[in-house]
Protein backbone atom coordinates (compact mmCIF):
# COMPACT_ATOMS: atom_id res chain seq x y z
CA MET A 1 11.51 -23.26 19.18
CA LYS A 2 10.48 -23.01 15.52
CA LYS A 3 11.01 -19.59 13.99
CA LYS A 4 7.76 -17.89 13.03
CA LYS A 5 7.17 -16.56 9.53
CA THR A 6 7.81 -12.98 8.50
CA LEU A 7 4.50 -11.31 7.71
CA PHE A 8 3.69 -8.35 5.49
CA VAL A 9 0.92 -5.82 6.11
CA VAL A 10 0.03 -4.49 2.65
CA LEU A 11 -1.63 -1.11 3.19
CA ASP A 12 -3.46 1.20 0.81
CA ILE A 13 -5.22 4.50 1.37
CA GLU A 14 -7.29 6.77 -0.85
CA THR A 15 -7.28 10.47 -0.02
CA THR A 16 -9.63 13.41 -0.38
CA LYS A 17 -9.44 16.02 -3.10
CA TYR A 18 -8.39 19.14 -1.19
CA LYS A 19 -7.10 18.25 2.29
CA ARG A 20 -5.37 14.96 1.37
CA LEU A 21 -7.05 13.17 4.23
CA ALA A 22 -7.31 9.38 4.13
CA PHE A 23 -10.99 8.50 3.75
CA ASP A 24 -10.51 4.90 2.57
CA VAL A 25 -8.09 2.64 4.45
CA ALA A 26 -7.53 -1.03 3.68
CA TRP A 27 -4.91 -3.65 4.42
CA THR A 28 -4.25 -7.35 4.11
CA ILE A 29 -1.66 -9.37 6.01
CA THR A 30 0.21 -12.13 4.21
CA ASP A 31 3.24 -14.38 4.42
CA LYS A 32 5.54 -15.14 1.49
CA GLN A 33 3.25 -17.96 0.37
CA GLY A 34 0.18 -15.71 0.20
CA ASN A 35 -1.59 -17.05 3.31
CA ASP A 36 -3.92 -14.61 5.07
CA TYR A 37 -3.33 -13.43 8.65
CA GLY A 38 -5.71 -10.48 8.90
CA SER A 39 -7.30 -7.62 7.01
CA GLY A 40 -9.36 -4.47 7.23
CA SER A 41 -11.33 -2.23 4.87
CA TYR A 42 -12.91 1.00 6.11
CA LEU A 43 -14.37 4.33 5.10
CA ILE A 44 -13.48 7.03 7.62
CA SER A 45 -16.72 8.65 8.70
CA GLU A 46 -15.24 11.90 10.08
CA VAL A 47 -13.16 12.56 6.97
CA LEU A 48 -16.12 12.26 4.63
CA LYS A 49 -17.73 15.14 6.53
CA LEU A 50 -14.66 17.32 5.92
CA ASP A 51 -13.79 16.82 2.26
CA LYS A 52 -14.67 15.05 -0.97
CA PRO A 53 -13.00 11.86 -2.29
CA TYR A 54 -10.35 12.52 -4.94
CA TYR A 55 -12.03 10.06 -7.30
CA LYS A 56 -15.61 11.17 -6.65
CA GLU A 57 -16.82 9.13 -9.65
CA LYS A 58 -15.95 6.01 -7.62
CA TRP A 59 -18.63 6.74 -5.02
CA PRO A 60 -21.36 4.53 -6.60
CA GLN A 61 -18.91 1.60 -6.39
CA TYR A 62 -18.24 2.40 -2.75
CA LEU A 63 -21.96 2.22 -2.05
CA LEU A 64 -22.13 -1.19 -3.71
CA ASP A 65 -19.10 -2.36 -1.72
CA LEU A 66 -20.66 -1.16 1.54
CA GLU A 67 -23.82 -3.10 0.73
CA ALA A 68 -21.75 -6.19 -0.13
CA GLY A 69 -19.80 -5.97 3.14
CA LYS A 70 -16.43 -5.35 1.48
CA ILE A 71 -16.08 -2.05 3.35
CA ALA A 72 -17.42 -0.77 6.69
CA TYR A 73 -17.69 2.69 8.21
CA ALA A 74 -15.39 3.45 11.14
CA THR A 75 -13.71 6.35 12.88
CA ILE A 76 -10.04 7.00 12.25
CA SER A 77 -9.28 5.98 15.86
CA GLU A 78 -11.08 2.66 15.39
CA VAL A 79 -9.16 1.98 12.20
CA ILE A 80 -5.72 2.72 13.67
CA ASP A 81 -6.55 0.73 16.81
CA THR A 82 -7.73 -2.27 14.76
CA LEU A 83 -4.63 -2.24 12.58
CA ASN A 84 -2.33 -1.84 15.59
CA GLN A 85 -4.07 -4.63 17.47
CA GLN A 86 -3.59 -7.05 14.57
CA ILE A 87 0.09 -6.13 14.31
CA SER A 88 0.59 -6.37 18.09
CA GLU A 89 -1.00 -9.83 18.33
CA LEU A 90 1.11 -11.19 15.47
CA LYS A 91 4.29 -9.79 17.01
CA ALA A 92 3.33 -11.27 20.38
CA ASN A 93 3.04 -14.65 18.64
CA GLY A 94 6.64 -14.35 17.45
CA HIS A 95 6.21 -13.02 13.91
CA ARG A 96 8.27 -10.26 12.39
CA VAL A 97 5.74 -7.86 10.86
CA ILE A 98 6.71 -5.57 7.99
CA LEU A 99 4.37 -2.74 7.05
CA CYS A 100 4.41 -1.98 3.34
CA ALA A 101 2.60 -0.21 0.54
CA TYR A 102 3.05 0.64 -3.12
CA ASN A 103 4.53 4.14 -2.80
CA ALA A 104 4.81 3.67 0.95
CA ARG A 105 6.03 7.20 1.60
CA PHE A 106 2.60 8.47 0.49
CA ASP A 107 0.48 6.08 2.57
CA LEU A 108 2.67 6.28 5.66
CA THR A 109 2.67 10.07 5.54
CA TRP A 110 -0.99 10.80 4.98
CA LEU A 111 -2.56 8.15 7.20
CA PRO A 112 -0.83 9.38 10.40
CA TYR A 113 -1.47 12.94 9.24
CA THR A 114 -5.18 12.17 8.95
CA TYR A 115 -5.24 10.68 12.45
CA LEU A 116 -3.60 13.80 13.91
CA TYR A 117 -5.78 16.18 11.86
CA VAL A 118 -9.01 14.55 12.96
CA THR A 119 -8.22 13.66 16.59
CA ASN A 120 -5.47 16.13 17.58
CA ASP A 121 -4.09 13.19 19.58
CA ARG A 122 -0.31 13.53 19.73
CA THR A 123 0.37 10.31 21.61
CA ASN A 124 2.46 7.84 19.64
CA LYS A 125 -0.02 5.54 17.97
CA PHE A 126 2.55 4.45 15.41
CA ASP A 127 5.45 3.12 17.47
CA GLN A 128 4.90 -0.40 16.09
CA TRP A 129 5.44 0.87 12.55
CA ASN A 130 9.19 0.33 12.62
CA ASP A 131 9.84 -2.21 9.85
CA LEU A 132 8.76 -0.50 6.63
CA LEU A 133 8.97 -1.55 2.99
CA ASP A 134 8.12 0.31 -0.21
CA ILE A 135 6.77 -2.36 -2.57
CA TRP A 136 7.27 0.00 -5.51
CA ALA A 137 11.01 0.40 -4.88
CA TYR A 138 11.48 -3.28 -3.99
CA TRP A 139 9.73 -4.41 -7.16
CA GLY A 140 11.76 -1.92 -9.21
CA GLU A 141 15.05 -3.40 -7.99
CA SER A 142 14.17 -6.86 -9.31
CA VAL A 143 11.76 -6.43 -12.23
CA PRO A 144 13.29 -7.98 -15.39
CA LEU A 145 15.20 -5.53 -17.57
CA SER A 146 12.84 -6.48 -20.39
CA TYR A 147 10.02 -4.66 -18.56
CA GLU A 148 7.61 -2.90 -20.89
CA ALA A 149 4.75 -0.52 -20.18
CA HIS A 150 3.04 2.51 -21.67
CA LYS A 151 4.83 5.84 -21.39
CA THR A 152 3.98 8.48 -18.81
CA LYS A 153 2.45 11.79 -19.93
CA SER A 154 5.88 13.30 -20.55
CA GLY A 155 6.64 10.51 -23.01
CA ARG A 156 10.10 10.10 -21.46
CA TYR A 157 9.50 7.31 -18.98
CA LEU A 158 7.84 3.94 -18.73
CA SER A 159 4.94 3.90 -16.31
CA THR A 160 5.78 2.07 -13.08
CA SER A 161 2.41 2.48 -11.36
CA ALA A 162 0.87 -0.46 -9.50
CA GLU A 163 -1.50 -0.87 -12.45
CA SER A 164 1.41 -1.11 -14.91
CA ALA A 165 3.39 -3.42 -12.64
CA PHE A 166 0.43 -5.77 -12.25
CA ARG A 167 -0.27 -5.75 -15.99
CA TYR A 168 3.31 -6.79 -16.67
CA GLU A 169 3.73 -9.36 -13.90
CA TYR A 170 0.45 -11.15 -14.59
CA GLN A 171 0.28 -10.55 -18.35
CA GLN A 172 -3.05 -8.73 -18.17
CA PRO A 173 -2.56 -5.76 -20.53
CA ASP A 174 -6.14 -4.52 -20.13
CA PHE A 175 -6.20 -4.60 -16.33
CA VAL A 176 -7.47 -1.36 -14.74
CA GLU A 177 -6.72 -0.43 -11.14
CA MET A 178 -9.87 0.55 -9.24
CA HIS A 179 -8.29 3.03 -6.80
CA ILE A 180 -10.42 1.58 -4.04
CA GLY A 181 -8.56 0.34 -0.98
CA TRP A 182 -9.61 -3.30 -0.67
CA HIS A 183 -9.10 -3.88 -4.40
CA ASP A 184 -5.75 -2.15 -4.57
CA VAL A 185 -4.24 -4.06 -1.63
CA ALA A 186 -5.13 -7.28 -3.42
CA ILE A 187 -3.08 -6.39 -6.51
CA GLU A 188 -0.28 -4.85 -4.43
CA LYS A 189 -0.08 -8.08 -2.44
CA ASP A 190 0.24 -9.99 -5.73
CA ILE A 191 3.05 -7.68 -6.88
CA LEU A 192 4.81 -8.16 -3.54
CA LEU A 193 4.53 -11.96 -3.72
CA LYS A 194 5.96 -11.96 -7.24
CA THR A 195 8.86 -9.79 -6.08
CA LEU A 196 9.58 -11.91 -3.00
CA LYS A 197 10.08 -14.96 -5.23
CA ARG A 198 13.05 -13.20 -6.85
CA LYS A 199 14.80 -13.37 -3.47
CA LYS A 200 16.34 -9.91 -3.58
CA LYS A 201 17.31 -8.22 -0.34
CA MET A 202 14.40 -6.21 1.01
CA PRO A 203 15.13 -2.47 1.42
CA ILE A 204 13.65 -2.26 4.93
CA VAL A 205 13.71 1.13 6.65
CA GLN A 206 12.61 2.31 10.10
CA SER A 207 10.91 5.58 9.18
CA LYS A 208 9.13 7.03 6.16
CA GLU A 209 11.86 9.68 5.81
CA GLN A 210 14.31 6.92 4.85
CA PHE A 211 12.43 5.86 1.74
CA ALA A 212 14.28 6.53 -1.51
CA GLY A 213 13.09 9.46 -3.57
CA ALA A 214 12.15 9.49 -7.28
CA VAL A 215 11.45 5.75 -7.36
CA TRP A 216 9.97 5.96 -10.86
CA LYS A 217 13.19 7.50 -12.15
CA LYS A 218 15.44 4.92 -10.50
CA ILE A 219 13.39 2.09 -12.00
CA ASN A 220 13.57 3.62 -15.47
CA GLU A 221 17.31 4.14 -15.19
CA ARG A 222 17.77 0.50 -14.22
CA VAL A 223 15.54 -0.88 -16.99
CA ASN A 224 17.00 1.43 -19.64
CA SER A 225 20.53 0.44 -18.69
CA ALA A 226 19.91 -2.86 -20.49
CA THR A 227 19.81 -1.06 -23.82
CA VAL A 228 22.89 1.09 -23.28
């Protein structure tokens, strides 16, 4: 029997200002060639009643995206169930499914937290989330040592944000990340595909606690080592 492709669920969330609840959840599912196997893009209706979006100035764009059908309203339970169903069906068809995000520790902490906060449901809705990849760390292990970007606020480090990574990889120095879920998963997918082509071993973990800390620092140490 022919081995099925490994698939990647690229996830992004945007959180609220005070409670850090996920109000915007989006994902796209891809193989190494960039083919699409599923997606989702939702505003969480219950969360928007509890707190304000962190980037409140983005709200007019959200309204336009709702009108254009790029985002839909849903409950947090509907979102988790939809994502889990897509993963389950792909696994049942023989695919290995890896869940990933740019700064995956953040997304994979606050999305389950939001589900628990809103529903108080302590059943394990996340047992399928057992092959995890931080795109940020993976990209940082393979990005060319000639990497250049603007400095962070401290002036000590090169920025390694998704915006900076995309600018470098696709030579778009004026690119601006929207910090809206559906848009951000698109660029994070592109960063992942670029990284996969470098054929480095993927740092897969089984729980969010296993993700490496201070990723930005590790990347800077690696890049700066070229000049030592």
